[in-house]
Amino acid sequence: MLAVHAAPSDHLFRYLTPDTPAGELAEEMEASGADIVLTGHSHRPFVRRFGERLLVNVGSVGQPRDGIAQASYAILEDGRVELKRAAYDVEAAVRRLETLPLPEKSIRQLVHILRHAGTPPR
């Protein structure tokens, strides 16, 4: 099993999303040498099988980017994976965020992400 932030080939900057072509995902799995790869970074959960190998993007607990304003995570048990969601009080998170000493633009962007579960407009 390999757990990385982004991708096996680039642990910090490469995004693996549900839209990434299957061939590219297969290359990532092959290069990893692992039977199971857990990733995140794109904040968009998905599961792909490549034969006996499994690639799981667990999504995001705090900043979902797939249009569903709930925390997402994965349960892996006996080689099976289940993507789960958990509702939380988004407005309470927004209120707390608004008290932090961050630039106003950053707060606006993060509030948009929390409320709409998507990338904010530029």
PDB file of N, CA and C in Angstrom:
ATOM      1  N   MET A   1       0.854  -1.173   0.000  1.00  0.00           N
ATOM      2  CA  MET A   1       0.000   0.000   0.000  1.00  0.00           C
ATOM      3  C   MET A   1       0.895   1.230   0.000  1.00  0.00           C
ATOM      4  N   LEU A   2       0.482   2.218  -0.783  1.00  0.00           N
ATOM      5  CA  LEU A   2       1.202   3.481  -0.854  1.00  0.00           C
ATOM      6  C   LEU A   2       0.196   4.606  -0.651  1.00  0.00           C
ATOM      7  N   ALA A   3       0.493   5.515   0.267  1.00  0.00           N
ATOM      8  CA  ALA A   3      -0.343   6.693   0.482  1.00  0.00           C
ATOM      9  C   ALA A   3       0.490   7.920   0.139  1.00  0.00           C
ATOM     10  N   VAL A   4      -0.036   8.741  -0.768  1.00  0.00           N
ATOM     11  CA  VAL A   4       0.654   9.956  -1.192  1.00  0.00           C
ATOM     12  C   VAL A   4      -0.343  11.112  -1.192  1.00  0.00           C
ATOM     13  N   HIS A   5       0.179  12.309  -1.115  1.00  0.00           N
ATOM     14  CA  HIS A   5      -0.699  13.478  -1.146  1.00  0.00           C
ATOM     15  C   HIS A   5      -1.316  13.657  -2.534  1.00  0.00           C
ATOM     16  N   ALA A   6      -0.495  13.603  -3.564  1.00  0.00           N
ATOM     17  CA  ALA A   6      -0.974  13.896  -4.914  1.00  0.00           C
ATOM     18  C   ALA A   6      -0.965  12.642  -5.785  1.00  0.00           C
ATOM     19  N   ALA A   7       0.186  12.270  -6.314  1.00  0.00           N
ATOM     20  CA  ALA A   7       0.291  11.115  -7.203  1.00  0.00           C
ATOM     21  C   ALA A   7       1.597  10.392  -6.933  1.00  0.00           C
ATOM     22  N   PRO A   8       1.683   9.112  -7.239  1.00  0.00           N
ATOM     23  CA  PRO A   8       2.948   8.398  -7.038  1.00  0.00           C
ATOM     24  C   PRO A   8       4.119   9.042  -7.782  1.00  0.00           C
ATOM     25  N   SER A   9       3.865   9.601  -8.964  1.00  0.00           N
ATOM     26  CA  SER A   9       4.945  10.201  -9.752  1.00  0.00           C
ATOM     27  C   SER A   9       5.318  11.603  -9.281  1.00  0.00           C
ATOM     28  N   ASP A  10       4.444  12.269  -8.563  1.00  0.00           N
ATOM     29  CA  ASP A  10       4.686  13.623  -8.082  1.00  0.00           C
ATOM     30  C   ASP A  10       3.833  13.810  -6.830  1.00  0.00           C
ATOM     31  N   HIS A  11       4.468  13.691  -5.693  1.00  0.00           N
ATOM     32  CA  HIS A  11       3.740  13.664  -4.415  1.00  0.00           C
ATOM     33  C   HIS A  11       3.125  15.003  -4.027  1.00  0.00           C
ATOM     34  N   LEU A  12       3.480  16.083  -4.726  1.00  0.00           N
ATOM     35  CA  LEU A  12       2.968  17.392  -4.332  1.00  0.00           C
ATOM     36  C   LEU A  12       2.074  18.081  -5.363  1.00  0.00           C
ATOM     37  N   PHE A  13       2.351  17.908  -6.642  1.00  0.00           N
ATOM     38  CA  PHE A  13       1.703  18.782  -7.607  1.00  0.00           C
ATOM     39  C   PHE A  13       0.825  18.108  -8.656  1.00  0.00           C
ATOM     40  N   ARG A  14       0.906  16.819  -8.838  1.00  0.00           N
ATOM     41  CA  ARG A  14       0.131  16.162  -9.899  1.00  0.00           C
ATOM     42  C   ARG A  14      -1.269  15.843  -9.387  1.00  0.00           C
ATOM     43  N   TYR A  15      -2.266  16.264 -10.128  1.00  0.00           N
ATOM     44  CA  TYR A  15      -3.657  16.016  -9.770  1.00  0.00           C
ATOM     45  C   TYR A  15      -4.153  14.743 -10.444  1.00  0.00           C
ATOM     46  N   LEU A  16      -4.718  13.834  -9.668  1.00  0.00           N
ATOM     47  CA  LEU A  16      -5.419  12.673 -10.207  1.00  0.00           C
ATOM     48  C   LEU A  16      -6.891  12.886  -9.903  1.00  0.00           C
ATOM     49  N   THR A  17      -7.696  12.969 -10.948  1.00  0.00           N
ATOM     50  CA  THR A  17      -9.115  13.268 -10.784  1.00  0.00           C
ATOM     51  C   THR A  17      -9.952  12.196 -11.471  1.00  0.00           C
ATOM     52  N   PRO A  18     -11.253  12.228 -11.271  1.00  0.00           N
ATOM     53  CA  PRO A  18     -12.116  11.287 -11.989  1.00  0.00           C
ATOM     54  C   PRO A  18     -12.027  11.467 -13.499  1.00  0.00           C
ATOM     55  N   ASP A  19     -11.547  12.626 -13.952  1.00  0.00           N
ATOM     56  CA  ASP A  19     -11.433  12.915 -15.378  1.00  0.00           C
ATOM     57  C   ASP A  19     -10.075  12.554 -15.968  1.00  0.00           C
ATOM     58  N   THR A  20      -9.116  12.176 -15.133  1.00  0.00           N
ATOM     59  CA  THR A  20      -7.802  11.799 -15.647  1.00  0.00           C
ATOM     60  C   THR A  20      -7.964  10.557 -16.529  1.00  0.00           C
ATOM     61  N   PRO A  21      -7.410  10.578 -17.736  1.00  0.00           N
ATOM     62  CA  PRO A  21      -7.550   9.413 -18.628  1.00  0.00           C
ATOM     63  C   PRO A  21      -7.075   8.119 -17.962  1.00  0.00           C
ATOM     64  N   ALA A  22      -7.798   7.051 -18.231  1.00  0.00           N
ATOM     65  CA  ALA A  22      -7.506   5.745 -17.615  1.00  0.00           C
ATOM     66  C   ALA A  22      -6.066   5.316 -17.864  1.00  0.00           C
ATOM     67  N   GLY A  23      -5.543   5.601 -19.038  1.00  0.00           N
ATOM     68  CA  GLY A  23      -4.158   5.234 -19.346  1.00  0.00           C
ATOM     69  C   GLY A  23      -3.156   5.909 -18.429  1.00  0.00           C
ATOM     70  N   GLU A  24      -3.402   7.181 -18.117  1.00  0.00           N
ATOM     71  CA  GLU A  24      -2.514   7.898 -17.202  1.00  0.00           C
ATOM     72  C   GLU A  24      -2.617   7.344 -15.785  1.00  0.00           C
ATOM     73  N   LEU A  25      -3.827   7.018 -15.371  1.00  0.00           N
ATOM     74  CA  LEU A  25      -4.000   6.421 -14.037  1.00  0.00           C
ATOM     75  C   LEU A  25      -3.302   5.063 -13.972  1.00  0.00           C
ATOM     76  N   ALA A  26      -3.422   4.278 -15.030  1.00  0.00           N
ATOM     77  CA  ALA A  26      -2.761   2.969 -15.074  1.00  0.00           C
ATOM     78  C   ALA A  26      -1.249   3.127 -14.997  1.00  0.00           C
ATOM     79  N   GLU A  27      -0.712   4.130 -15.669  1.00  0.00           N
ATOM     80  CA  GLU A  27       0.735   4.384 -15.602  1.00  0.00           C
ATOM     81  C   GLU A  27       1.160   4.745 -14.187  1.00  0.00           C
ATOM     82  N   GLU A  28       0.355   5.550 -13.513  1.00  0.00           N
ATOM     83  CA  GLU A  28       0.654   5.899 -12.122  1.00  0.00           C
ATOM     84  C   GLU A  28       0.680   4.648 -11.246  1.00  0.00           C
ATOM     85  N   MET A  29      -0.305   3.783 -11.445  1.00  0.00           N
ATOM     86  CA  MET A  29      -0.356   2.550 -10.654  1.00  0.00           C
ATOM     87  C   MET A  29       0.855   1.672 -10.938  1.00  0.00           C
ATOM     88  N   GLU A  30       1.195   1.520 -12.195  1.00  0.00           N
ATOM     89  CA  GLU A  30       2.338   0.674 -12.576  1.00  0.00           C
ATOM     90  C   GLU A  30       3.628   1.225 -11.962  1.00  0.00           C
ATOM     91  N   ALA A  31       3.824   2.512 -12.058  1.00  0.00           N
ATOM     92  CA  ALA A  31       5.042   3.132 -11.532  1.00  0.00           C
ATOM     93  C   ALA A  31       5.122   3.049 -10.007  1.00  0.00           C
ATOM     94  N   SER A  32       3.973   2.983  -9.356  1.00  0.00           N
ATOM     95  CA  SER A  32       3.964   2.968  -7.889  1.00  0.00           C
ATOM     96  C   SER A  32       4.513   1.666  -7.322  1.00  0.00           C
ATOM     97  N   GLY A  33       4.287   0.568  -8.045  1.00  0.00           N
ATOM     98  CA  GLY A  33       4.689  -0.731  -7.525  1.00  0.00           C
ATOM     99  C   GLY A  33       3.799  -1.235  -6.394  1.00  0.00           C
ATOM    100  N   ALA A  34       2.732  -0.526  -6.100  1.00  0.00           N
ATOM    101  CA  ALA A  34       1.857  -0.887  -4.987  1.00  0.00           C
ATOM    102  C   ALA A  34       0.581  -1.548  -5.494  1.00  0.00           C
ATOM    103  N   ASP A  35      -0.012  -2.355  -4.658  1.00  0.00           N
ATOM    104  CA  ASP A  35      -1.306  -2.958  -4.978  1.00  0.00           C
ATOM    105  C   ASP A  35      -2.449  -1.981  -4.722  1.00  0.00           C
ATOM    106  N   ILE A  36      -2.240  -1.107  -3.735  1.00  0.00           N
ATOM    107  CA  ILE A  36      -3.251  -0.110  -3.373  1.00  0.00           C
ATOM    108  C   ILE A  36      -2.557   1.242  -3.256  1.00  0.00           C
ATOM    109  N   VAL A  37      -3.097   2.237  -3.946  1.00  0.00           N
ATOM    110  CA  VAL A  37      -2.591   3.601  -3.834  1.00  0.00           C
ATOM    111  C   VAL A  37      -3.716   4.485  -3.317  1.00  0.00           C
ATOM    112  N   LEU A  38      -3.429   5.225  -2.251  1.00  0.00           N
ATOM    113  CA  LEU A  38      -4.362   6.189  -1.670  1.00  0.00           C
ATOM    114  C   LEU A  38      -3.838   7.583  -1.970  1.00  0.00           C
ATOM    115  N   THR A  39      -4.696   8.445  -2.480  1.00  0.00           N
ATOM    116  CA  THR A  39      -4.287   9.787  -2.839  1.00  0.00           C
ATOM    117  C   THR A  39      -5.382  10.777  -2.478  1.00  0.00           C
ATOM    118  N   GLY A  40      -5.106  12.042  -2.651  1.00  0.00           N
ATOM    119  CA  GLY A  40      -6.072  13.100  -2.365  1.00  0.00           C
ATOM    120  C   GLY A  40      -5.827  14.261  -3.317  1.00  0.00           C
ATOM    121  N   HIS A  41      -5.328  15.360  -2.824  1.00  0.00           N
ATOM    122  CA  HIS A  41      -4.883  16.549  -3.534  1.00  0.00           C
ATOM    123  C   HIS A  41      -5.937  17.229  -4.404  1.00  0.00           C
ATOM    124  N   SER A  42      -6.637  16.482  -5.232  1.00  0.00           N
ATOM    125  CA  SER A  42      -7.646  17.108  -6.095  1.00  0.00           C
ATOM    126  C   SER A  42      -8.943  17.380  -5.339  1.00  0.00           C
ATOM    127  N   HIS A  43      -9.104  16.752  -4.171  1.00  0.00           N
ATOM    128  CA  HIS A  43     -10.307  16.911  -3.345  1.00  0.00           C
ATOM    129  C   HIS A  43     -11.546  16.363  -4.056  1.00  0.00           C
ATOM    130  N   ARG A  44     -11.345  15.439  -4.997  1.00  0.00           N
ATOM    131  CA  ARG A  44     -12.447  14.841  -5.768  1.00  0.00           C
ATOM    132  C   ARG A  44     -12.348  13.314  -5.648  1.00  0.00           C
ATOM    133  N   PRO A  45     -13.194  12.696  -4.832  1.00  0.00           N
ATOM    134  CA  PRO A  45     -13.075  11.254  -4.578  1.00  0.00           C
ATOM    135  C   PRO A  45     -13.439  10.402  -5.787  1.00  0.00           C
ATOM    136  N   PHE A  46     -12.721   9.287  -5.914  1.00  0.00           N
ATOM    137  CA  PHE A  46     -13.054   8.274  -6.918  1.00  0.00           C
ATOM    138  C   PHE A  46     -12.285   7.000  -6.607  1.00  0.00           C
ATOM    139  N   VAL A  47     -12.741   5.910  -7.203  1.00  0.00           N
ATOM    140  CA  VAL A  47     -12.083   4.610  -7.069  1.00  0.00           C
ATOM    141  C   VAL A  47     -11.924   4.036  -8.465  1.00  0.00           C
ATOM    142  N   ARG A  48     -10.715   3.508  -8.757  1.00  0.00           N
ATOM    143  CA  ARG A  48     -10.481   2.823 -10.027  1.00  0.00           C
ATOM    144  C   ARG A  48      -9.727   1.523  -9.746  1.00  0.00           C
ATOM    145  N   ARG A  49     -10.143   0.472 -10.430  1.00  0.00           N
ATOM    146  CA  ARG A  49      -9.438  -0.811 -10.356  1.00  0.00           C
ATOM    147  C   ARG A  49      -8.655  -1.017 -11.635  1.00  0.00           C
ATOM    148  N   PHE A  50      -7.477  -1.559 -11.477  1.00  0.00           N
ATOM    149  CA  PHE A  50      -6.624  -1.946 -12.593  1.00  0.00           C
ATOM    150  C   PHE A  50      -6.206  -3.383 -12.324  1.00  0.00           C
ATOM    151  N   GLY A  51      -7.016  -4.324 -12.810  1.00  0.00           N
ATOM    152  CA  GLY A  51      -6.804  -5.726 -12.464  1.00  0.00           C
ATOM    153  C   GLY A  51      -7.012  -5.903 -10.976  1.00  0.00           C
ATOM    154  N   GLU A  52      -5.999  -6.398 -10.295  1.00  0.00           N
ATOM    155  CA  GLU A  52      -6.075  -6.571  -8.839  1.00  0.00           C
ATOM    156  C   GLU A  52      -5.642  -5.329  -8.079  1.00  0.00           C
ATOM    157  N   ARG A  53      -5.165  -4.323  -8.783  1.00  0.00           N
ATOM    158  CA  ARG A  53      -4.684  -3.101  -8.140  1.00  0.00           C
ATOM    159  C   ARG A  53      -5.833  -2.102  -7.952  1.00  0.00           C
ATOM    160  N   LEU A  54      -5.679  -1.257  -6.939  1.00  0.00           N
ATOM    161  CA  LEU A  54      -6.741  -0.333  -6.566  1.00  0.00           C
ATOM    162  C   LEU A  54      -6.161   1.065  -6.366  1.00  0.00           C
ATOM    163  N   LEU A  55      -6.773   2.049  -7.024  1.00  0.00           N
ATOM    164  CA  LEU A  55      -6.414   3.456  -6.860  1.00  0.00           C
ATOM    165  C   LEU A  55      -7.602   4.172  -6.233  1.00  0.00           C
ATOM    166  N   VAL A  56      -7.356   4.849  -5.106  1.00  0.00           N
ATOM    167  CA  VAL A  56      -8.434   5.513  -4.369  1.00  0.00           C
ATOM    168  C   VAL A  56      -8.041   6.957  -4.097  1.00  0.00           C
ATOM    169  N   ASN A  57      -8.859   7.883  -4.579  1.00  0.00           N
ATOM    170  CA  ASN A  57      -8.739   9.271  -4.162  1.00  0.00           C
ATOM    171  C   ASN A  57      -9.808   9.458  -3.094  1.00  0.00           C
ATOM    172  N   VAL A  58      -9.367   9.749  -1.889  1.00  0.00           N
ATOM    173  CA  VAL A  58     -10.287   9.786  -0.743  1.00  0.00           C
ATOM    174  C   VAL A  58     -11.113  11.062  -0.671  1.00  0.00           C
ATOM    175  N   GLY A  59     -10.792  12.055  -1.507  1.00  0.00           N
ATOM    176  CA  GLY A  59     -11.552  13.301  -1.498  1.00  0.00           C
ATOM    177  C   GLY A  59     -10.988  14.269  -0.489  1.00  0.00           C
ATOM    178  N   SER A  60     -11.857  14.879   0.306  1.00  0.00           N
ATOM    179  CA  SER A  60     -11.424  15.891   1.259  1.00  0.00           C
ATOM    180  C   SER A  60     -12.400  15.998   2.420  1.00  0.00           C
ATOM    181  N   VAL A  61     -11.868  16.063   3.598  1.00  0.00           N
ATOM    182  CA  VAL A  61     -12.711  16.270   4.770  1.00  0.00           C
ATOM    183  C   VAL A  61     -13.083  17.749   4.890  1.00  0.00           C
ATOM    184  N   GLY A  62     -12.190  18.657   4.509  1.00  0.00           N
ATOM    185  CA  GLY A  62     -12.439  20.061   4.753  1.00  0.00           C
ATOM    186  C   GLY A  62     -12.713  20.941   3.557  1.00  0.00           C
ATOM    187  N   GLN A  63     -12.292  20.544   2.363  1.00  0.00           N
ATOM    188  CA  GLN A  63     -12.480  21.406   1.198  1.00  0.00           C
ATOM    189  C   GLN A  63     -12.887  20.583  -0.028  1.00  0.00           C
ATOM    190  N   PRO A  64     -14.067  20.002  -0.014  1.00  0.00           N
ATOM    191  CA  PRO A  64     -14.479  19.197  -1.163  1.00  0.00           C
ATOM    192  C   PRO A  64     -14.560  20.046  -2.428  1.00  0.00           C
ATOM    193  N   ARG A  65     -14.225  19.450  -3.562  1.00  0.00           N
ATOM    194  CA  ARG A  65     -14.239  20.183  -4.833  1.00  0.00           C
ATOM    195  C   ARG A  65     -15.079  19.459  -5.881  1.00  0.00           C
ATOM    196  N   ASP A  66     -16.005  18.639  -5.432  1.00  0.00           N
ATOM    197  CA  ASP A  66     -16.796  17.851  -6.382  1.00  0.00           C
ATOM    198  C   ASP A  66     -18.276  18.213  -6.362  1.00  0.00           C
ATOM    199  N   GLY A  67     -18.604  19.366  -5.805  1.00  0.00           N
ATOM    200  CA  GLY A  67     -19.985  19.826  -5.802  1.00  0.00           C
ATOM    201  C   GLY A  67     -20.836  19.294  -4.665  1.00  0.00           C
ATOM    202  N   ILE A  68     -20.266  18.488  -3.787  1.00  0.00           N
ATOM    203  CA  ILE A  68     -21.007  17.938  -2.650  1.00  0.00           C
ATOM    204  C   ILE A  68     -20.384  18.513  -1.377  1.00  0.00           C
ATOM    205  N   ALA A  69     -21.088  19.399  -0.715  1.00  0.00           N
ATOM    206  CA  ALA A  69     -20.551  20.110   0.446  1.00  0.00           C
ATOM    207  C   ALA A  69     -20.632  19.260   1.711  1.00  0.00           C
ATOM    208  N   GLN A  70     -19.970  18.120   1.662  1.00  0.00           N
ATOM    209  CA  GLN A  70     -19.851  17.234   2.810  1.00  0.00           C
ATOM    210  C   GLN A  70     -18.424  16.712   2.854  1.00  0.00           C
ATOM    211  N   ALA A  71     -17.987  16.297   4.022  1.00  0.00           N
ATOM    212  CA  ALA A  71     -16.683  15.663   4.145  1.00  0.00           C
ATOM    213  C   ALA A  71     -16.710  14.329   3.400  1.00  0.00           C
ATOM    214  N   SER A  72     -15.603  13.982   2.776  1.00  0.00           N
ATOM    215  CA  SER A  72     -15.516  12.673   2.128  1.00  0.00           C
ATOM    216  C   SER A  72     -14.283  11.938   2.647  1.00  0.00           C
ATOM    217  N   TYR A  73     -14.406  10.629   2.710  1.00  0.00           N
ATOM    218  CA  TYR A  73     -13.314   9.780   3.160  1.00  0.00           C
ATOM    219  C   TYR A  73     -13.560   8.372   2.628  1.00  0.00           C
ATOM    220  N   ALA A  74     -12.594   7.515   2.816  1.00  0.00           N
ATOM    221  CA  ALA A  74     -12.717   6.146   2.312  1.00  0.00           C
ATOM    222  C   ALA A  74     -12.509   5.156   3.448  1.00  0.00           C
ATOM    223  N   ILE A  75     -13.244   4.071   3.380  1.00  0.00           N
ATOM    224  CA  ILE A  75     -13.056   2.933   4.281  1.00  0.00           C
ATOM    225  C   ILE A  75     -12.504   1.798   3.416  1.00  0.00           C
ATOM    226  N   LEU A  76     -11.366   1.278   3.809  1.00  0.00           N
ATOM    227  CA  LEU A  76     -10.734   0.169   3.099  1.00  0.00           C
ATOM    228  C   LEU A  76     -10.705  -1.021   4.038  1.00  0.00           C
ATOM    229  N   GLU A  77     -11.368  -2.094   3.623  1.00  0.00           N
ATOM    230  CA  GLU A  77     -11.446  -3.284   4.478  1.00  0.00           C
ATOM    231  C   GLU A  77     -11.435  -4.529   3.605  1.00  0.00           C
ATOM    232  N   ASP A  78     -10.493  -5.411   3.884  1.00  0.00           N
ATOM    233  CA  ASP A  78     -10.385  -6.682   3.163  1.00  0.00           C
ATOM    234  C   ASP A  78     -10.344  -6.486   1.647  1.00  0.00           C
ATOM    235  N   GLY A  79      -9.596  -5.468   1.201  1.00  0.00           N
ATOM    236  CA  GLY A  79      -9.447  -5.227  -0.230  1.00  0.00           C
ATOM    237  C   GLY A  79     -10.629  -4.536  -0.885  1.00  0.00           C
ATOM    238  N   ARG A  80     -11.650  -4.227  -0.113  1.00  0.00           N
ATOM    239  CA  ARG A  80     -12.813  -3.502  -0.638  1.00  0.00           C
ATOM    240  C   ARG A  80     -12.742  -2.069  -0.152  1.00  0.00           C
ATOM    241  N   VAL A  81     -13.205  -1.165  -0.988  1.00  0.00           N
ATOM    242  CA  VAL A  81     -13.196   0.246  -0.606  1.00  0.00           C
ATOM    243  C   VAL A  81     -14.600   0.806  -0.726  1.00  0.00           C
ATOM    244  N   GLU A  82     -14.933   1.665   0.219  1.00  0.00           N
ATOM    245  CA  GLU A  82     -16.221   2.340   0.192  1.00  0.00           C
ATOM    246  C   GLU A  82     -15.974   3.822   0.442  1.00  0.00           C
ATOM    247  N   LEU A  83     -16.401   4.650  -0.496  1.00  0.00           N
ATOM    248  CA  LEU A  83     -16.322   6.091  -0.295  1.00  0.00           C
ATOM    249  C   LEU A  83     -17.505   6.523   0.555  1.00  0.00           C
ATOM    250  N   LYS A  84     -17.242   7.329   1.554  1.00  0.00           N
ATOM    251  CA  LYS A  84     -18.275   7.754   2.492  1.00  0.00           C
ATOM    252  C   LYS A  84     -18.359   9.277   2.504  1.00  0.00           C
ATOM    253  N   ARG A  85     -19.493   9.765   2.974  1.00  0.00           N
ATOM    254  CA  ARG A  85     -19.737  11.196   3.152  1.00  0.00           C
ATOM    255  C   ARG A  85     -20.230  11.431   4.568  1.00  0.00           C
ATOM    256  N   ALA A  86     -19.915  12.609   5.074  1.00  0.00           N
ATOM    257  CA  ALA A  86     -20.411  13.011   6.388  1.00  0.00           C
ATOM    258  C   ALA A  86     -20.802  14.477   6.326  1.00  0.00           C
ATOM    259  N   ALA A  87     -22.040  14.748   6.672  1.00  0.00           N
ATOM    260  CA  ALA A  87     -22.507  16.126   6.729  1.00  0.00           C
ATOM    261  C   ALA A  87     -21.900  16.802   7.964  1.00  0.00           C
ATOM    262  N   TYR A  88     -21.671  18.075   7.847  1.00  0.00           N
ATOM    263  CA  TYR A  88     -21.211  18.857   8.992  1.00  0.00           C
ATOM    264  C   TYR A  88     -21.783  20.260   8.865  1.00  0.00           C
ATOM    265  N   ASP A  89     -21.677  21.041   9.898  1.00  0.00           N
ATOM    266  CA  ASP A  89     -22.235  22.381   9.928  1.00  0.00           C
ATOM    267  C   ASP A  89     -21.303  23.327   9.166  1.00  0.00           C
ATOM    268  N   VAL A  90     -21.559  23.471   7.878  1.00  0.00           N
ATOM    269  CA  VAL A  90     -20.728  24.309   7.022  1.00  0.00           C
ATOM    270  C   VAL A  90     -20.731  25.749   7.510  1.00  0.00           C
ATOM    271  N   GLU A  91     -21.892  26.265   7.912  1.00  0.00           N
ATOM    272  CA  GLU A  91     -21.962  27.663   8.345  1.00  0.00           C
ATOM    273  C   GLU A  91     -21.170  27.898   9.626  1.00  0.00           C
ATOM    274  N   ALA A  92     -21.099  26.912  10.496  1.00  0.00           N
ATOM    275  CA  ALA A  92     -20.246  27.048  11.681  1.00  0.00           C
ATOM    276  C   ALA A  92     -18.779  27.123  11.266  1.00  0.00           C
ATOM    277  N   ALA A  93     -18.395  26.321  10.290  1.00  0.00           N
ATOM    278  CA  ALA A  93     -17.021  26.369   9.779  1.00  0.00           C
ATOM    279  C   ALA A  93     -16.743  27.724   9.136  1.00  0.00           C
ATOM    280  N   VAL A  94     -17.708  28.259   8.396  1.00  0.00           N
ATOM    281  CA  VAL A  94     -17.556  29.580   7.771  1.00  0.00           C
ATOM    282  C   VAL A  94     -17.375  30.646   8.848  1.00  0.00           C
ATOM    283  N   ARG A  95     -18.211  30.614   9.878  1.00  0.00           N
ATOM    284  CA  ARG A  95     -18.097  31.615  10.954  1.00  0.00           C
ATOM    285  C   ARG A  95     -16.717  31.563  11.605  1.00  0.00           C
ATOM    286  N   ARG A  96     -16.215  30.377  11.852  1.00  0.00           N
ATOM    287  CA  ARG A  96     -14.887  30.221  12.456  1.00  0.00           C
ATOM    288  C   ARG A  96     -13.805  30.724  11.510  1.00  0.00           C
ATOM    289  N   LEU A  97     -13.927  30.384  10.250  1.00  0.00           N
ATOM    290  CA  LEU A  97     -12.964  30.824   9.243  1.00  0.00           C
ATOM    291  C   LEU A  97     -12.892  32.349   9.185  1.00  0.00           C
ATOM    292  N   GLU A  98     -14.045  32.996   9.276  1.00  0.00           N
ATOM    293  CA  GLU A  98     -14.098  34.453   9.183  1.00  0.00           C
ATOM    294  C   GLU A  98     -13.434  35.158  10.358  1.00  0.00           C
ATOM    295  N   THR A  99     -13.132  34.440  11.424  1.00  0.00           N
ATOM    296  CA  THR A  99     -12.446  35.043  12.575  1.00  0.00           C
ATOM    297  C   THR A  99     -10.926  34.922  12.478  1.00  0.00           C
ATOM    298  N   LEU A 100     -10.440  34.179  11.489  1.00  0.00           N
ATOM    299  CA  LEU A 100      -9.003  33.943  11.380  1.00  0.00           C
ATOM    300  C   LEU A 100      -8.287  35.136  10.758  1.00  0.00           C
ATOM    301  N   PRO A 101      -7.032  35.347  11.145  1.00  0.00           N
ATOM    302  CA  PRO A 101      -6.261  36.477  10.605  1.00  0.00           C
ATOM    303  C   PRO A 101      -5.684  36.150   9.215  1.00  0.00           C
ATOM    304  N   LEU A 102      -6.577  36.036   8.241  1.00  0.00           N
ATOM    305  CA  LEU A 102      -6.190  35.736   6.858  1.00  0.00           C
ATOM    306  C   LEU A 102      -6.577  36.898   5.962  1.00  0.00           C
ATOM    307  N   PRO A 103      -5.926  37.017   4.808  1.00  0.00           N
ATOM    308  CA  PRO A 103      -6.346  38.050   3.854  1.00  0.00           C
ATOM    309  C   PRO A 103      -7.804  37.836   3.438  1.00  0.00           C
ATOM    310  N   GLU A 104      -8.523  38.932   3.243  1.00  0.00           N
ATOM    311  CA  GLU A 104      -9.946  38.868   2.892  1.00  0.00           C
ATOM    312  C   GLU A 104     -10.186  38.012   1.649  1.00  0.00           C
ATOM    313  N   LYS A 105      -9.334  38.134   0.650  1.00  0.00           N
ATOM    314  CA  LYS A 105      -9.495  37.343  -0.578  1.00  0.00           C
ATOM    315  C   LYS A 105      -9.420  35.850  -0.266  1.00  0.00           C
ATOM    316  N   SER A 106      -8.492  35.461   0.580  1.00  0.00           N
ATOM    317  CA  SER A 106      -8.360  34.047   0.949  1.00  0.00           C
ATOM    318  C   SER A 106      -9.604  33.557   1.673  1.00  0.00           C
ATOM    319  N   ILE A 107     -10.120  34.372   2.569  1.00  0.00           N
ATOM    320  CA  ILE A 107     -11.335  33.993   3.294  1.00  0.00           C
ATOM    321  C   ILE A 107     -12.491  33.820   2.317  1.00  0.00           C
ATOM    322  N   ARG A 108     -12.664  34.772   1.390  1.00  0.00           N
ATOM    323  CA  ARG A 108     -13.754  34.664   0.397  1.00  0.00           C
ATOM    324  C   ARG A 108     -13.637  33.375  -0.414  1.00  0.00           C
ATOM    325  N   GLN A 109     -12.414  33.047  -0.842  1.00  0.00           N
ATOM    326  CA  GLN A 109     -12.208  31.826  -1.633  1.00  0.00           C
ATOM    327  C   GLN A 109     -12.541  30.581  -0.820  1.00  0.00           C
ATOM    328  N   LEU A 110     -12.073  30.537   0.416  1.00  0.00           N
ATOM    329  CA  LEU A 110     -12.332  29.375   1.255  1.00  0.00           C
ATOM    330  C   LEU A 110     -13.820  29.247   1.601  1.00  0.00           C
ATOM    331  N   VAL A 111     -14.484  30.349   1.846  1.00  0.00           N
ATOM    332  CA  VAL A 111     -15.922  30.312   2.113  1.00  0.00           C
ATOM    333  C   VAL A 111     -16.659  29.753   0.898  1.00  0.00           C
ATOM    334  N   HIS A 112     -16.266  30.187  -0.290  1.00  0.00           N
ATOM    335  CA  HIS A 112     -16.898  29.666  -1.508  1.00  0.00           C
ATOM    336  C   HIS A 112     -16.702  28.144  -1.602  1.00  0.00           C
ATOM    337  N   ILE A 113     -15.490  27.681  -1.345  1.00  0.00           N
ATOM    338  CA  ILE A 113     -15.207  26.244  -1.399  1.00  0.00           C
ATOM    339  C   ILE A 113     -16.085  25.497  -0.401  1.00  0.00           C
ATOM    340  N   LEU A 114     -16.168  25.991   0.815  1.00  0.00           N
ATOM    341  CA  LEU A 114     -16.965  25.311   1.837  1.00  0.00           C
ATOM    342  C   LEU A 114     -18.442  25.265   1.462  1.00  0.00           C
ATOM    343  N   ARG A 115     -18.973  26.369   0.993  1.00  0.00           N
ATOM    344  CA  ARG A 115     -20.411  26.436   0.695  1.00  0.00           C
ATOM    345  C   ARG A 115     -20.799  25.733  -0.601  1.00  0.00           C
ATOM    346  N   HIS A 116     -19.921  25.768  -1.594  1.00  0.00           N
ATOM    347  CA  HIS A 116     -20.291  25.265  -2.924  1.00  0.00           C
ATOM    348  C   HIS A 116     -19.514  24.019  -3.342  1.00  0.00           C
ATOM    349  N   ALA A 117     -18.535  23.619  -2.550  1.00  0.00           N
ATOM    350  CA  ALA A 117     -17.730  22.423  -2.835  1.00  0.00           C
ATOM    351  C   ALA A 117     -17.148  22.457  -4.243  1.00  0.00           C
ATOM    352  N   GLY A 118     -16.653  23.630  -4.600  1.00  0.00           N
ATOM    353  CA  GLY A 118     -16.054  23.790  -5.913  1.00  0.00           C
ATOM    354  C   GLY A 118     -14.984  24.851  -5.883  1.00  0.00           C
ATOM    355  N   THR A 119     -14.199  24.885  -6.928  1.00  0.00           N
ATOM    356  CA  THR A 119     -13.134  25.873  -7.041  1.00  0.00           C
ATOM    357  C   THR A 119     -13.752  27.264  -7.169  1.00  0.00           C
ATOM    358  N   PRO A 120     -13.263  28.221  -6.392  1.00  0.00           N
ATOM    359  CA  PRO A 120     -13.863  29.556  -6.441  1.00  0.00           C
ATOM    360  C   PRO A 120     -13.526  30.277  -7.731  1.00  0.00           C
ATOM    361  N   PRO A 121     -14.392  31.213  -8.139  1.00  0.00           N
ATOM    362  CA  PRO A 121     -14.071  32.029  -9.306  1.00  0.00           C
ATOM    363  C   PRO A 121     -12.852  32.898  -9.020  1.00  0.00           C
ATOM    364  N   ARG A 122     -12.105  33.201 -10.023  1.00  0.00           N
ATOM    365  CA  ARG A 122     -10.881  34.012  -9.849  1.00  0.00           C
ATOM    366  C   ARG A 122     -11.198  35.465  -9.761  1.00  0.00           C
TER     367      ARG A 122
END
